[in-house]
Protein backbone atom coordinates (compact mmCIF):
# COMPACT_ATOMS: atom_id res chain seq x y z
CA MET A 1 -277.90 126.12 32.98
CA THR A 2 -276.69 128.66 35.51
CA ASN A 3 -274.79 131.71 34.36
CA PRO A 4 -272.30 132.67 37.09
CA ASN A 5 -270.43 134.93 34.63
CA ASN A 6 -273.51 137.11 34.07
CA VAL A 7 -272.95 137.39 30.31
CA SER A 8 -274.87 136.58 27.13
CA LEU A 9 -272.85 133.67 25.74
CA ASN A 10 -274.22 133.61 22.15
CA ILE A 11 -271.79 130.89 21.12
CA SER A 12 -270.14 131.52 17.73
CA HIS A 13 -267.68 129.43 15.72
CA GLU A 14 -266.43 132.42 13.75
CA LEU A 15 -263.52 134.47 15.10
CA ALA A 16 -264.47 138.16 15.00
CA PHE A 17 -263.88 141.34 16.97
CA ILE A 18 -266.72 143.62 18.02
CA ASP A 19 -266.06 147.16 16.85
CA SER A 20 -266.22 149.92 19.44
CA HIS A 21 -268.93 151.65 17.38
CA ALA A 22 -270.96 148.51 16.71
CA LEU A 23 -273.85 150.00 18.66
CA SER A 24 -275.43 152.90 16.77
CA ILE A 25 -276.68 155.39 19.35
CA PRO A 26 -279.25 157.93 18.10
CA THR A 27 -279.45 161.53 19.34
CA TYR A 28 -282.96 162.49 20.40
CA ARG A 29 -284.17 165.83 19.05
CA VAL A 30 -287.54 167.64 19.02
CA LEU A 31 -286.71 171.12 17.69
CA ASN A 32 -284.45 171.65 14.72
CA GLU A 33 -281.71 174.26 14.82
CA GLN A 34 -284.15 176.92 13.59
CA GLY A 35 -286.43 176.37 16.60
CA GLU A 36 -289.13 174.56 14.62
CA LEU A 37 -290.65 171.15 15.29
CA ALA A 38 -288.36 168.67 13.54
CA GLN A 39 -289.88 166.47 10.88
CA GLY A 40 -291.25 163.30 12.46
CA ALA A 41 -290.84 164.62 16.01
CA THR A 42 -293.58 164.77 18.62
CA LEU A 43 -293.87 167.63 21.08
CA PRO A 44 -293.60 166.54 24.71
CA GLU A 45 -296.33 167.50 27.13
CA ILE A 46 -295.29 170.86 28.52
CA ASP A 47 -297.48 173.70 29.75
CA LYS A 48 -296.98 177.40 29.11
CA THR A 49 -295.99 178.16 32.70
CA THR A 50 -293.19 175.57 32.72
CA ALA A 51 -291.97 176.57 29.27
CA LEU A 52 -291.75 180.24 30.21
CA ARG A 53 -290.04 179.40 33.50
CA ILE A 54 -287.40 177.47 31.55
CA TYR A 55 -286.89 180.40 29.21
CA ASP A 56 -286.82 182.94 32.04
CA THR A 57 -284.12 180.90 33.73
CA MET A 58 -282.00 180.58 30.60
CA ARG A 59 -282.36 184.30 29.88
CA PHE A 60 -281.34 185.18 33.45
CA ILE A 61 -278.32 182.88 33.45
CA ARG A 62 -277.12 184.23 30.10
CA ALA A 63 -277.24 187.78 31.53
CA LEU A 64 -275.63 186.72 34.82
CA ASP A 65 -272.81 184.95 32.99
CA GLU A 66 -272.08 187.98 30.82
CA ARG A 67 -272.02 190.38 33.79
CA MET A 68 -269.94 188.18 36.10
CA GLN A 69 -267.43 187.32 33.38
CA ALA A 70 -266.89 191.08 33.03
CA ALA A 71 -266.75 191.49 36.82
CA GLN A 72 -263.93 188.96 37.02
CA ARG A 73 -262.00 190.80 34.32
CA GLN A 74 -262.46 193.98 36.37
CA GLY A 75 -260.99 192.25 39.42
CA ARG A 76 -264.22 192.38 41.39
CA VAL A 77 -264.50 188.58 41.77
CA SER A 78 -261.64 186.11 41.59
CA PHE A 79 -263.12 183.43 39.36
CA TYR A 80 -266.13 182.58 37.21
CA MET A 81 -267.44 179.82 34.96
CA GLN A 82 -270.14 180.37 32.34
CA CYS A 83 -272.95 178.04 31.32
CA LEU A 84 -272.78 179.57 27.83
CA GLY A 85 -274.11 177.15 25.20
CA GLU A 86 -275.47 174.67 27.74
CA GLU A 87 -278.34 176.66 29.22
CA ALA A 88 -281.00 174.42 27.65
CA ALA A 89 -279.35 171.19 28.80
CA VAL A 90 -279.09 172.28 32.42
CA THR A 91 -282.33 174.26 32.79
CA ALA A 92 -284.68 171.89 30.97
CA SER A 93 -283.34 168.85 32.81
CA ALA A 94 -283.88 170.60 36.16
CA ALA A 95 -287.40 171.53 35.08
CA ALA A 96 -288.24 167.86 34.55
CA LEU A 97 -287.49 167.01 38.18
CA ASP A 98 -289.42 167.28 41.41
CA ASP A 99 -288.17 170.11 43.63
CA ALA A 100 -287.42 167.56 46.36
CA ASP A 101 -285.10 165.55 44.08
CA MET A 102 -281.46 165.93 45.02
CA ILE A 103 -279.16 167.76 42.59
CA MET A 104 -275.46 166.93 42.70
CA ALA A 105 -273.80 169.32 40.28
CA GLN A 106 -270.31 169.78 38.90
CA TYR A 107 -269.75 173.53 38.57
CA ARG A 108 -271.54 174.70 35.43
CA GLU A 109 -275.11 174.06 36.56
CA GLN A 110 -276.08 177.41 38.03
CA ALA A 111 -279.20 177.34 35.83
CA ALA A 112 -280.53 174.32 37.73
CA LEU A 113 -280.13 176.17 41.01
CA ARG A 114 -281.80 179.27 39.61
CA TYR A 115 -284.73 177.19 38.34
CA ARG A 116 -285.18 175.88 41.88
CA GLY A 117 -285.48 179.43 43.20
CA PHE A 118 -281.98 180.58 44.20
CA THR A 119 -282.21 184.37 44.32
CA LEU A 120 -280.03 186.92 42.58
CA GLU A 121 -278.84 188.12 45.97
CA GLN A 122 -277.85 184.58 46.98
CA PHE A 123 -275.81 184.18 43.80
CA MET A 124 -274.01 187.46 44.45
CA ASN A 125 -273.38 186.78 48.13
CA GLN A 126 -271.75 183.47 47.27
CA MET A 127 -269.54 184.92 44.55
CA PHE A 128 -268.33 187.71 46.83
CA SER A 129 -267.90 185.33 49.81
CA ASN A 130 -269.52 187.85 52.12
CA GLU A 131 -271.14 187.32 55.49
CA LEU A 132 -274.52 186.61 53.87
CA ASP A 133 -273.10 183.74 51.81
CA LEU A 134 -274.77 180.44 52.72
CA GLY A 135 -271.33 178.83 52.59
CA LYS A 136 -269.87 181.40 54.98
CA GLY A 137 -267.22 182.41 52.47
CA ARG A 138 -265.48 179.05 52.61
CA GLN A 139 -265.81 178.27 48.90
CA MET A 140 -264.43 179.89 45.78
CA PRO A 141 -266.99 181.62 43.51
CA ILE A 142 -269.66 179.55 41.70
CA HIS A 143 -269.33 176.64 44.14
CA TYR A 144 -272.93 176.97 45.29
CA GLY A 145 -274.95 174.89 47.70
CA SER A 146 -278.44 175.09 49.20
CA ARG A 147 -279.93 172.69 51.71
CA GLU A 148 -283.33 174.38 51.27
CA LEU A 149 -283.32 173.76 47.51
CA ASN A 150 -281.84 170.23 47.67
CA TYR A 151 -278.69 171.28 45.84
CA MET A 152 -275.59 169.60 47.23
CA THR A 153 -272.65 171.96 47.74
CA ILE A 154 -270.25 171.74 44.81
CA SER A 155 -266.77 170.28 45.15
CA SER A 156 -263.98 171.31 42.79
CA PRO A 157 -262.35 167.89 42.34
CA LEU A 158 -263.82 166.25 39.25
CA GLY A 159 -266.15 163.29 39.58
CA THR A 160 -266.40 163.08 43.36
CA GLN A 161 -270.16 163.62 43.20
CA ILE A 162 -270.74 160.57 40.96
CA PRO A 163 -270.28 157.76 43.53
CA GLN A 164 -271.83 160.06 46.14
CA ALA A 165 -274.95 160.31 43.96
CA SER A 166 -275.12 156.54 43.58
CA GLY A 167 -275.02 156.07 47.33
CA TYR A 168 -277.40 158.91 48.12
CA ALA A 169 -279.94 157.63 45.59
CA TYR A 170 -279.71 154.13 47.03
CA GLY A 171 -280.56 155.66 50.39
CA GLN A 172 -283.62 157.29 48.82
CA LYS A 173 -284.69 153.88 47.56
CA ILE A 174 -284.22 151.86 50.74
CA LYS A 175 -287.29 153.22 52.51
CA HIS A 176 -289.47 151.94 49.65
CA ILE A 177 -288.18 148.36 49.76
CA ASP A 178 -290.39 145.68 51.32
CA LYS A 179 -288.26 144.05 54.03
CA ALA A 180 -289.95 140.67 53.54
CA THR A 181 -289.56 140.39 49.77
CA GLY A 182 -286.66 142.73 49.09
CA GLU A 183 -288.67 144.27 46.24
CA LEU A 184 -289.93 147.81 45.73
CA ALA A 185 -293.16 148.21 47.67
CA SER A 186 -294.09 151.53 46.07
CA THR A 187 -292.98 154.15 43.61
CA ILE A 188 -289.92 156.04 44.85
CA ASP A 189 -290.78 159.56 45.96
CA ASN A 190 -287.55 161.27 45.02
CA ILE A 191 -284.39 160.51 43.11
CA THR A 192 -280.99 162.09 42.54
CA ILE A 193 -279.61 163.73 39.42
CA CYS A 194 -275.85 163.95 39.01
CA TYR A 195 -274.32 166.37 36.50
CA PHE A 196 -270.79 166.10 35.15
CA GLY A 197 -268.82 166.85 31.99
CA GLU A 198 -267.40 164.33 29.57
CA GLY A 199 -263.96 165.14 30.97
CA ALA A 200 -265.06 164.04 34.44
CA ALA A 201 -266.18 160.76 32.88
CA SER A 202 -262.47 159.96 32.51
CA GLU A 203 -262.08 159.92 36.29
CA GLY A 204 -262.08 156.65 38.20
CA ASP A 205 -265.00 157.91 40.29
CA PHE A 206 -267.18 157.82 37.17
CA HIS A 207 -266.65 154.11 36.65
CA ALA A 208 -266.99 153.28 40.33
CA GLY A 209 -270.19 155.29 40.62
CA MET A 210 -271.75 153.92 37.44
CA ASN A 211 -271.03 150.32 38.33
CA MET A 212 -272.27 150.81 41.89
CA ALA A 213 -275.55 152.30 40.66
CA ALA A 214 -276.01 149.56 38.06
CA VAL A 215 -275.35 146.65 40.42
CA HIS A 216 -277.28 148.02 43.38
CA LYS A 217 -279.96 149.62 41.18
CA SER A 218 -279.84 153.15 42.53
CA PRO A 219 -282.51 155.58 41.26
CA VAL A 220 -280.03 158.15 39.97
CA ILE A 221 -279.96 160.05 36.69
CA PHE A 222 -276.41 160.52 35.47
CA PHE A 223 -276.44 163.63 33.26
CA ALA A 224 -273.25 163.77 31.23
CA ARG A 225 -272.68 167.14 29.56
CA ASN A 226 -270.58 166.32 26.52
CA ASN A 227 -269.61 169.83 25.45
CA GLY A 228 -266.61 168.87 23.33
CA TYR A 229 -263.76 169.94 25.59
CA ALA A 230 -262.31 169.05 28.99
CA ILE A 231 -260.72 172.47 29.57
CA SER A 232 -258.41 172.44 26.52
CA THR A 233 -258.54 168.73 25.69
CA PRO A 234 -260.91 167.91 22.80
CA ALA A 235 -263.16 164.88 23.10
CA GLU A 236 -261.21 162.97 20.45
CA GLU A 237 -258.17 163.04 22.73
CA GLN A 238 -260.21 161.98 25.77
CA PHE A 239 -261.78 158.74 24.59
CA ALA A 240 -261.95 156.46 21.55
CA GLY A 241 -265.41 155.01 22.10
CA ASP A 242 -268.77 156.40 21.01
CA GLY A 243 -269.12 159.22 23.51
CA ILE A 244 -270.31 158.63 27.06
CA ALA A 245 -273.62 156.95 26.19
CA SER A 246 -271.89 153.75 25.06
CA ARG A 247 -270.47 153.35 28.55
CA GLY A 248 -273.92 153.40 30.08
CA VAL A 249 -274.93 150.49 27.86
CA GLY A 250 -271.73 148.72 28.84
CA TYR A 251 -272.58 149.02 32.50
CA GLY A 252 -276.10 147.76 31.93
CA ILE A 253 -277.78 151.12 32.49
CA LYS A 254 -280.73 152.48 30.51
CA THR A 255 -279.23 155.20 28.32
CA ILE A 256 -280.28 158.02 26.02
CA ARG A 257 -278.32 160.59 24.02
CA VAL A 258 -280.04 163.93 23.55
CA ASP A 259 -279.45 167.16 21.64
CA GLY A 260 -278.38 169.40 24.52
CA GLY A 261 -279.23 172.55 22.60
CA ASP A 262 -282.88 171.53 22.36
CA ALA A 263 -284.73 172.42 25.57
CA LEU A 264 -287.81 170.37 24.67
CA ALA A 265 -285.79 167.24 23.90
CA VAL A 266 -283.85 167.52 27.15
CA TYR A 267 -287.06 168.09 29.10
CA ALA A 268 -288.75 165.03 27.58
CA ALA A 269 -285.67 162.81 28.02
CA THR A 270 -285.23 163.76 31.66
CA LYS A 271 -288.94 163.31 32.37
CA ALA A 272 -288.77 159.80 30.95
CA ALA A 273 -285.56 159.07 32.87
CA ARG A 274 -287.11 160.20 36.14
CA GLU A 275 -290.21 158.07 35.57
CA HIS A 276 -288.01 155.03 34.95
CA ALA A 277 -285.96 155.71 38.07
CA THR A 278 -288.98 156.21 40.35
CA THR A 279 -290.92 153.19 39.12
CA THR A 280 -288.09 150.67 38.78
CA GLY A 281 -285.54 152.06 41.24
CA GLU A 282 -282.87 151.82 38.54
CA PRO A 283 -280.36 154.34 37.16
CA VAL A 284 -280.43 156.13 33.81
CA LEU A 285 -277.60 157.78 31.88
CA ILE A 286 -278.36 160.82 29.73
CA GLU A 287 -275.62 162.15 27.45
CA SER A 288 -276.25 165.74 26.39
CA ILE A 289 -274.53 166.82 23.18
CA ALA A 290 -273.93 170.57 23.22
CA TYR A 291 -271.01 172.96 22.73
CA ARG A 292 -269.23 175.03 25.34
CA LEU A 293 -269.42 178.44 23.67
CA GLY A 294 -267.33 180.18 26.31
CA ALA A 295 -263.96 179.46 27.84
CA HIS A 296 -263.68 176.68 30.38
CA SER A 297 -263.38 179.36 33.04
CA THR A 298 -262.01 182.87 33.43
CA SER A 299 -258.60 181.22 33.86
CA ASP A 300 -258.77 179.74 30.37
CA ASP A 301 -258.05 181.13 26.88
CA PRO A 302 -259.79 178.92 24.28
CA SER A 303 -258.02 180.64 21.38
CA GLY A 304 -255.04 178.45 22.19
CA TYR A 305 -256.84 175.23 21.24
CA ARG A 306 -259.78 176.06 18.96
CA SER A 307 -260.48 178.49 16.16
CA LYS A 308 -262.81 181.48 16.06
CA GLU A 309 -264.44 179.90 13.01
CA GLU A 310 -265.31 176.79 15.01
CA GLU A 311 -266.86 178.87 17.77
CA ALA A 312 -268.82 180.98 15.28
CA SER A 313 -270.31 177.92 13.59
CA PHE A 314 -271.75 176.70 16.89
CA ARG A 315 -272.77 180.16 18.08
CA GLU A 316 -275.39 180.20 15.33
CA ASN A 317 -277.13 177.31 17.11
CA CYS A 318 -277.78 179.25 20.33
CA PRO A 319 -279.99 177.15 22.67
CA VAL A 320 -281.63 180.25 24.17
CA GLN A 321 -282.56 181.69 20.78
CA ARG A 322 -283.71 178.29 19.57
CA PHE A 323 -286.21 177.92 22.40
CA ARG A 324 -287.21 181.58 22.15
CA THR A 325 -288.14 181.09 18.50
CA TRP A 326 -290.43 178.20 19.42
CA LEU A 327 -292.06 180.18 22.24
CA LEU A 328 -292.75 183.10 19.90
CA ALA A 329 -294.34 180.72 17.40
CA GLN A 330 -296.64 179.39 20.13
CA GLY A 331 -297.74 182.90 21.02
CA TRP A 332 -296.43 182.33 24.55
CA LEU A 333 -293.82 185.11 24.42
CA ASP A 334 -294.09 188.75 23.42
CA GLU A 335 -290.97 189.89 21.57
CA LYS A 336 -291.07 193.54 22.69
CA GLU A 337 -291.72 192.62 26.30
CA ASP A 338 -288.90 190.07 26.15
CA GLU A 339 -286.37 192.71 25.09
CA GLN A 340 -287.53 195.05 27.84
CA THR A 341 -287.21 192.27 30.40
CA LYS A 342 -283.65 191.53 29.28
CA ASP A 343 -282.66 195.15 29.93
CA LYS A 344 -284.34 195.05 33.34
CA ILE A 345 -282.53 191.84 34.30
CA ARG A 346 -279.17 193.38 33.39
CA GLU A 347 -279.93 196.38 35.59
CA GLN A 348 -280.98 194.17 38.49
CA ILE A 349 -277.81 192.09 38.23
CA LEU A 350 -275.58 195.16 38.21
CA ASP A 351 -277.42 196.65 41.19
CA ALA A 352 -277.15 193.39 43.16
CA LEU A 353 -273.44 193.17 42.36
CA LYS A 354 -272.82 196.66 43.71
CA VAL A 355 -274.62 195.79 46.94
CA ALA A 356 -272.98 192.40 47.52
CA GLU A 357 -269.43 193.59 47.03
CA LYS A 358 -269.89 196.10 49.87
CA VAL A 359 -271.22 193.57 52.38
CA ALA A 360 -268.67 192.66 55.07
CA LYS A 361 -266.75 189.40 54.91
CA PRO A 362 -267.56 186.64 57.42
CA ALA A 363 -265.89 186.85 60.82
CA LEU A 364 -262.69 184.82 60.97
CA GLU A 365 -264.13 182.46 63.59
CA GLU A 366 -266.67 181.28 61.01
CA LEU A 367 -263.86 179.15 59.62
CA VAL A 368 -264.16 176.75 62.54
CA SER A 369 -267.40 177.61 64.33
CA ASP A 370 -269.49 174.71 63.02
CA VAL A 371 -267.04 172.22 61.58
CA TYR A 372 -267.71 170.36 64.82
CA ASP A 373 -270.41 171.07 67.41
CA THR A 374 -267.58 172.40 69.58
CA PRO A 375 -264.17 173.08 67.97
CA ILE A 376 -261.77 170.30 68.90
CA PRO A 377 -258.45 171.30 70.57
CA SER A 378 -256.28 170.80 67.47
CA LEU A 379 -258.64 172.90 65.33
CA GLN A 380 -258.82 175.61 67.98
CA ALA A 381 -255.01 175.65 68.16
CA GLN A 382 -254.74 176.11 64.40
CA TYR A 383 -257.26 178.94 64.59
CA GLU A 384 -255.25 180.73 67.28
CA GLN A 385 -252.09 180.33 65.20
CA LEU A 386 -253.88 181.85 62.21
CA LYS A 387 -254.99 184.86 64.26
CA GLU A 388 -251.44 185.49 65.45
CA HIS A 389 -250.15 185.21 61.90
CA ILE A 390 -252.65 187.79 60.62
CA LYS A 391 -251.87 190.14 63.50
CA LYS A 392 -248.19 189.86 62.65
CA TYR A 393 -248.74 190.63 58.96
CA PRO A 394 -251.83 192.89 58.90
CA ASP A 395 -250.90 194.53 55.60
CA ALA A 396 -251.19 191.17 53.85
CA TYR A 397 -254.73 190.66 55.20
CA PRO A 398 -256.29 194.16 55.11
CA ILE A 399 -259.91 192.97 55.22
CA THR A 400 -259.50 190.50 58.06
CA ALA A 401 -256.84 192.13 60.20
CA GLY A 402 -259.01 194.98 61.45
CA ARG A 403 -261.74 192.61 62.66
CA ILE A 404 -259.63 190.30 64.83
CA LYS A 405 -260.17 190.75 68.53
């Protein structure tokens, strides 16, 4: 019997609803909240070099976030978003990838970019939108991008990267398909990982992207960071189902929920997801359960929608400290040296900040110089109008006005 509806019929003569929580989804964990191997858990295969690189990245991002949050409050940068509380989820997932895999991030994944090798100076140049910024000053702070590191430039609108990731990953797969049989001829070299928050999963782009990847079997890892809040909206006011993982099952996508505060669990889950994607050419959804310890951004005041007691209870389960405890127990990390390194990193960040904020801004013509190979007439006309406007009101544009020819 054919099945044009593509469903499991399972004929029943009893009238009954299926509850939205009928599927019990476990949360994968390796380390307990004290940083010890959880009872019944198995350590994933991870070498000392990789483990320390993960920790170094988390430690750096924690220091960068603290310094740049303060810099925004001082008026030195206009905007900032911290990764506070989600360092393990972002860093360990990036560590499980190949450096040639494409990363399509939302805006809280600076740790993934740092793990790939983005320098302190590159971070600072982007946040100050100076002439050394890879984005030529066209983006607001923390909207990074790096062609060299396979990190797609971030877009502010929520969810736009989700269908883009589905399509990009399908393109990565096509070259491995046998034209005669239509089947995979070999293991896929590289895949795409797409990060987004649980709030972005309420966008239409999420559903379009997930369904596209499921139907066309795109080798993409959807990494949903469920951190409890979409700016000020708690998860219970965002959706009634069992988190984001249940949606992956609904779309027919292999799915796993992981403790996002446990670096080892995230690493193992992402490794397994990547192996599935490269060998089958199919998507995987990972839902990371963590807590956004900081504000949504420097434009947000979380005291208006959550209590200090709630924050304090989650602060005790710091993902950086949790992984640090495990590293110390392995004898892979020296406590005294670690503290000295933290102080050194803070000094380096402050020094880089002082340098970057003094670097000149990009020339005004950089706005249009490479949007097209040669600026089209309408774009050139707009540019000339902008120059005349700035010349007319130089006091309103003190940085740019003196550089216009």
